[in-house]
């Protein structure tokens, strides 16, 4: 996400999620990165977004 936001900070980013959840610390790292980058980040659930995957 950081690389893509550096390449073009006006184009929205799309993050495809398929996650059973459980892993809190990596999930928070992804969330923090989504908050850090300039473009809007849209999330799309591909199959499952449970627990931390839905945060």
PDB file of N, CA and C in Angstrom:
ATOM      1  N   UNK A   1       0.814  -1.173   0.000  1.00  0.00           N
ATOM      2  CA  UNK A   1       0.000   0.000   0.000  1.00  0.00           C
ATOM      3  C   UNK A   1       0.869   1.252   0.000  1.00  0.00           C
ATOM      4  N   UNK A   2       1.946   1.209   0.759  1.00  0.00           N
ATOM      5  CA  UNK A   2       2.826   2.379   0.821  1.00  0.00           C
ATOM      6  C   UNK A   2       3.436   2.637  -0.551  1.00  0.00           C
ATOM      7  N   UNK A   3       3.923   1.580  -1.201  1.00  0.00           N
ATOM      8  CA  UNK A   3       4.510   1.744  -2.532  1.00  0.00           C
ATOM      9  C   UNK A   3       3.491   2.305  -3.519  1.00  0.00           C
ATOM     10  N   UNK A   4       2.284   1.747  -3.528  1.00  0.00           N
ATOM     11  CA  UNK A   4       1.259   2.216  -4.462  1.00  0.00           C
ATOM     12  C   UNK A   4       0.866   3.661  -4.184  1.00  0.00           C
ATOM     13  N   UNK A   5       0.851   4.059  -2.921  1.00  0.00           N
ATOM     14  CA  UNK A   5       0.502   5.445  -2.604  1.00  0.00           C
ATOM     15  C   UNK A   5       1.610   6.405  -3.011  1.00  0.00           C
ATOM     16  N   UNK A   6       2.851   5.931  -3.003  1.00  0.00           N
ATOM     17  CA  UNK A   6       3.962   6.770  -3.473  1.00  0.00           C
ATOM     18  C   UNK A   6       3.898   6.914  -4.993  1.00  0.00           C
ATOM     19  N   UNK A   7       3.555   5.837  -5.683  1.00  0.00           N
ATOM     20  CA  UNK A   7       3.447   5.867  -7.143  1.00  0.00           C
ATOM     21  C   UNK A   7       2.389   6.857  -7.618  1.00  0.00           C
ATOM     22  N   UNK A   8       1.227   6.862  -6.948  1.00  0.00           N
ATOM     23  CA  UNK A   8       0.136   7.751  -7.345  1.00  0.00           C
ATOM     24  C   UNK A   8      -0.730   8.003  -6.115  1.00  0.00           C
ATOM     25  N   UNK A   9      -0.598   9.192  -5.529  1.00  0.00           N
ATOM     26  CA  UNK A   9      -1.298   9.461  -4.271  1.00  0.00           C
ATOM     27  C   UNK A   9      -2.731   9.960  -4.463  1.00  0.00           C
ATOM     28  N   UNK A  10      -3.214   9.993  -5.706  1.00  0.00           N
ATOM     29  CA  UNK A  10      -4.593  10.425  -5.944  1.00  0.00           C
ATOM     30  C   UNK A  10      -5.510   9.266  -6.336  1.00  0.00           C
ATOM     31  N   UNK A  11      -4.935   8.132  -6.689  1.00  0.00           N
ATOM     32  CA  UNK A  11      -5.727   6.980  -7.131  1.00  0.00           C
ATOM     33  C   UNK A  11      -6.090   6.108  -5.925  1.00  0.00           C
ATOM     34  N   UNK A  12      -7.383   5.788  -5.784  1.00  0.00           N
ATOM     35  CA  UNK A  12      -7.838   4.954  -4.673  1.00  0.00           C
ATOM     36  C   UNK A  12      -7.202   3.566  -4.739  1.00  0.00           C
ATOM     37  N   UNK A  13      -7.023   2.961  -3.559  1.00  0.00           N
ATOM     38  CA  UNK A  13      -6.464   1.616  -3.465  1.00  0.00           C
ATOM     39  C   UNK A  13      -7.572   0.637  -3.089  1.00  0.00           C
ATOM     40  N   UNK A  14      -7.462  -0.586  -3.580  1.00  0.00           N
ATOM     41  CA  UNK A  14      -8.433  -1.636  -3.274  1.00  0.00           C
ATOM     42  C   UNK A  14      -7.696  -2.806  -2.637  1.00  0.00           C
ATOM     43  N   UNK A  15      -8.159  -3.219  -1.461  1.00  0.00           N
ATOM     44  CA  UNK A  15      -7.547  -4.316  -0.727  1.00  0.00           C
ATOM     45  C   UNK A  15      -8.542  -5.475  -0.675  1.00  0.00           C
ATOM     46  N   UNK A  16      -8.170  -6.596  -1.276  1.00  0.00           N
ATOM     47  CA  UNK A  16      -9.026  -7.777  -1.301  1.00  0.00           C
ATOM     48  C   UNK A  16      -8.712  -8.641  -0.083  1.00  0.00           C
ATOM     49  N   UNK A  17      -9.751  -8.973   0.688  1.00  0.00           N
ATOM     50  CA  UNK A  17      -9.566  -9.683   1.950  1.00  0.00           C
ATOM     51  C   UNK A  17     -10.202 -11.067   1.887  1.00  0.00           C
ATOM     52  N   UNK A  18      -9.453 -12.055   2.358  1.00  0.00           N
ATOM     53  CA  UNK A  18      -9.955 -13.403   2.617  1.00  0.00           C
ATOM     54  C   UNK A  18      -9.248 -13.857   3.888  1.00  0.00           C
ATOM     55  N   UNK A  19      -9.873 -13.640   5.035  1.00  0.00           N
ATOM     56  CA  UNK A  19      -9.201 -13.845   6.312  1.00  0.00           C
ATOM     57  C   UNK A  19     -10.117 -14.514   7.335  1.00  0.00           C
ATOM     58  N   UNK A  20      -9.621 -15.582   7.988  1.00  0.00           N
ATOM     59  CA  UNK A  20     -10.391 -16.196   9.063  1.00  0.00           C
ATOM     60  C   UNK A  20     -10.235 -15.448  10.383  1.00  0.00           C
ATOM     61  N   UNK A  21      -9.420 -14.412  10.385  1.00  0.00           N
ATOM     62  CA  UNK A  21      -9.241 -13.618  11.594  1.00  0.00           C
ATOM     63  C   UNK A  21      -8.136 -14.158  12.479  1.00  0.00           C
ATOM     64  N   UNK A  22      -8.292 -13.984  13.795  1.00  0.00           N
ATOM     65  CA  UNK A  22      -7.401 -14.454  14.856  1.00  0.00           C
ATOM     66  C   UNK A  22      -6.168 -13.581  15.056  1.00  0.00           C
ATOM     67  N   UNK A  23      -5.424 -13.243  14.037  1.00  0.00           N
ATOM     68  CA  UNK A  23      -4.133 -12.583  14.184  1.00  0.00           C
ATOM     69  C   UNK A  23      -4.317 -11.081  14.383  1.00  0.00           C
ATOM     70  N   UNK A  24      -4.272 -10.637  15.636  1.00  0.00           N
ATOM     71  CA  UNK A  24      -4.572  -9.247  15.969  1.00  0.00           C
ATOM     72  C   UNK A  24      -3.443  -8.303  15.572  1.00  0.00           C
ATOM     73  N   UNK A  25      -2.210  -8.620  15.914  1.00  0.00           N
ATOM     74  CA  UNK A  25      -1.095  -7.696  15.658  1.00  0.00           C
ATOM     75  C   UNK A  25      -0.885  -7.461  14.159  1.00  0.00           C
ATOM     76  N   UNK A  26      -0.829  -8.500  13.306  1.00  0.00           N
ATOM     77  CA  UNK A  26      -0.731  -8.229  11.867  1.00  0.00           C
ATOM     78  C   UNK A  26      -1.938  -7.464  11.330  1.00  0.00           C
ATOM     79  N   UNK A  27      -3.121  -7.744  11.870  1.00  0.00           N
ATOM     80  CA  UNK A  27      -4.321  -7.016  11.445  1.00  0.00           C
ATOM     81  C   UNK A  27      -4.240  -5.544  11.787  1.00  0.00           C
ATOM     82  N   UNK A  28      -3.716  -5.232  12.973  1.00  0.00           N
ATOM     83  CA  UNK A  28      -3.542  -3.830  13.358  1.00  0.00           C
ATOM     84  C   UNK A  28      -2.482  -3.147  12.503  1.00  0.00           C
ATOM     85  N   UNK A  29      -1.459  -3.887  12.091  1.00  0.00           N
ATOM     86  CA  UNK A  29      -0.436  -3.313  11.210  1.00  0.00           C
ATOM     87  C   UNK A  29      -1.041  -2.935   9.861  1.00  0.00           C
ATOM     88  N   UNK A  30      -1.894  -3.791   9.324  1.00  0.00           N
ATOM     89  CA  UNK A  30      -2.569  -3.473   8.059  1.00  0.00           C
ATOM     90  C   UNK A  30      -3.486  -2.273   8.241  1.00  0.00           C
ATOM     91  N   UNK A  31      -4.224  -2.244   9.353  1.00  0.00           N
ATOM     92  CA  UNK A  31      -5.115  -1.113   9.635  1.00  0.00           C
ATOM     93  C   UNK A  31      -4.323   0.191   9.749  1.00  0.00           C
ATOM     94  N   UNK A  32      -3.203   0.157  10.470  1.00  0.00           N
ATOM     95  CA  UNK A  32      -2.376   1.359  10.612  1.00  0.00           C
ATOM     96  C   UNK A  32      -1.847   1.836   9.264  1.00  0.00           C
ATOM     97  N   UNK A  33      -1.462   0.902   8.406  1.00  0.00           N
ATOM     98  CA  UNK A  33      -0.981   1.267   7.073  1.00  0.00           C
ATOM     99  C   UNK A  33      -2.095   1.899   6.256  1.00  0.00           C
ATOM    100  N   UNK A  34      -3.309   1.358   6.367  1.00  0.00           N
ATOM    101  CA  UNK A  34      -4.447   1.939   5.651  1.00  0.00           C
ATOM    102  C   UNK A  34      -4.710   3.372   6.111  1.00  0.00           C
ATOM    103  N   UNK A  35      -4.510   3.645   7.394  1.00  0.00           N
ATOM    104  CA  UNK A  35      -4.714   4.991   7.918  1.00  0.00           C
ATOM    105  C   UNK A  35      -3.575   5.925   7.521  1.00  0.00           C
ATOM    106  N   UNK A  36      -2.381   5.379   7.344  1.00  0.00           N
ATOM    107  CA  UNK A  36      -1.190   6.168   7.053  1.00  0.00           C
ATOM    108  C   UNK A  36      -1.144   6.681   5.612  1.00  0.00           C
ATOM    109  N   UNK A  37      -1.539   5.856   4.652  1.00  0.00           N
ATOM    110  CA  UNK A  37      -1.405   6.242   3.243  1.00  0.00           C
ATOM    111  C   UNK A  37      -2.414   7.328   2.880  1.00  0.00           C
ATOM    112  N   UNK A  38      -2.043   8.151   1.925  1.00  0.00           N
ATOM    113  CA  UNK A  38      -2.860   9.289   1.503  1.00  0.00           C
ATOM    114  C   UNK A  38      -4.136   8.895   0.756  1.00  0.00           C
ATOM    115  N   UNK A  39      -4.076   7.972  -0.223  1.00  0.00           N
ATOM    116  CA  UNK A  39      -5.299   7.643  -0.973  1.00  0.00           C
ATOM    117  C   UNK A  39      -6.315   6.905  -0.100  1.00  0.00           C
ATOM    118  N   UNK A  40      -7.573   6.943  -0.510  1.00  0.00           N
ATOM    119  CA  UNK A  40      -8.603   6.154   0.158  1.00  0.00           C
ATOM    120  C   UNK A  40      -8.353   4.674  -0.125  1.00  0.00           C
ATOM    121  N   UNK A  41      -8.542   3.846   0.890  1.00  0.00           N
ATOM    122  CA  UNK A  41      -8.376   2.402   0.737  1.00  0.00           C
ATOM    123  C   UNK A  41      -9.751   1.755   0.873  1.00  0.00           C
ATOM    124  N   UNK A  42     -10.156   1.031  -0.161  1.00  0.00           N
ATOM    125  CA  UNK A  42     -11.430   0.320  -0.164  1.00  0.00           C
ATOM    126  C   UNK A  42     -11.137  -1.158   0.073  1.00  0.00           C
ATOM    127  N   UNK A  43     -11.902  -1.796   0.944  1.00  0.00           N
ATOM    128  CA  UNK A  43     -11.717  -3.223   1.195  1.00  0.00           C
ATOM    129  C   UNK A  43     -12.851  -4.007   0.549  1.00  0.00           C
ATOM    130  N   UNK A  44     -12.486  -5.138  -0.031  1.00  0.00           N
ATOM    131  CA  UNK A  44     -13.449  -6.015  -0.690  1.00  0.00           C
ATOM    132  C   UNK A  44     -13.246  -7.419  -0.135  1.00  0.00           C
ATOM    133  N   UNK A  45     -14.298  -7.978   0.454  1.00  0.00           N
ATOM    134  CA  UNK A  45     -14.237  -9.330   1.008  1.00  0.00           C
ATOM    135  C   UNK A  45     -14.435 -10.334  -0.128  1.00  0.00           C
ATOM    136  N   UNK A  46     -13.465 -11.204  -0.310  1.00  0.00           N
ATOM    137  CA  UNK A  46     -13.541 -12.194  -1.380  1.00  0.00           C
ATOM    138  C   UNK A  46     -14.276 -13.462  -0.954  1.00  0.00           C
ATOM    139  N   UNK A  47     -14.145 -13.855   0.299  1.00  0.00           N
ATOM    140  CA  UNK A  47     -14.825 -15.059   0.771  1.00  0.00           C
ATOM    141  C   UNK A  47     -15.183 -14.938   2.241  1.00  0.00           C
ATOM    142  N   UNK A  48     -14.187 -14.634   3.070  1.00  0.00           N
ATOM    143  CA  UNK A  48     -14.395 -14.623   4.512  1.00  0.00           C
ATOM    144  C   UNK A  48     -13.627 -13.465   5.127  1.00  0.00           C
ATOM    145  N   UNK A  49     -14.282 -12.723   5.991  1.00  0.00           N
ATOM    146  CA  UNK A  49     -13.626 -11.662   6.761  1.00  0.00           C
ATOM    147  C   UNK A  49     -14.150 -11.757   8.191  1.00  0.00           C
ATOM    148  N   UNK A  50     -13.514 -12.602   8.976  1.00  0.00           N
ATOM    149  CA  UNK A  50     -13.963 -12.840  10.341  1.00  0.00           C
ATOM    150  C   UNK A  50     -13.002 -12.198  11.336  1.00  0.00           C
ATOM    151  N   UNK A  51     -13.510 -11.896  12.499  1.00  0.00           N
ATOM    152  CA  UNK A  51     -12.723 -11.379  13.608  1.00  0.00           C
ATOM    153  C   UNK A  51     -11.887 -10.180  13.157  1.00  0.00           C
ATOM    154  N   UNK A  52     -10.572 -10.279  13.248  1.00  0.00           N
ATOM    155  CA  UNK A  52      -9.692  -9.162  12.880  1.00  0.00           C
ATOM    156  C   UNK A  52      -9.772  -8.858  11.388  1.00  0.00           C
ATOM    157  N   UNK A  53     -10.113  -9.829  10.579  1.00  0.00           N
ATOM    158  CA  UNK A  53     -10.253  -9.610   9.143  1.00  0.00           C
ATOM    159  C   UNK A  53     -11.394  -8.682   8.781  1.00  0.00           C
ATOM    160  N   UNK A  54     -12.346  -8.510   9.692  1.00  0.00           N
ATOM    161  CA  UNK A  54     -13.474  -7.609   9.429  1.00  0.00           C
ATOM    162  C   UNK A  54     -13.289  -6.247  10.077  1.00  0.00           C
ATOM    163  N   UNK A  55     -12.227  -6.075  10.853  1.00  0.00           N
ATOM    164  CA  UNK A  55     -11.959  -4.817  11.533  1.00  0.00           C
ATOM    165  C   UNK A  55     -11.501  -3.821  10.514  1.00  0.00           C
TER     166      UNK A  55
END
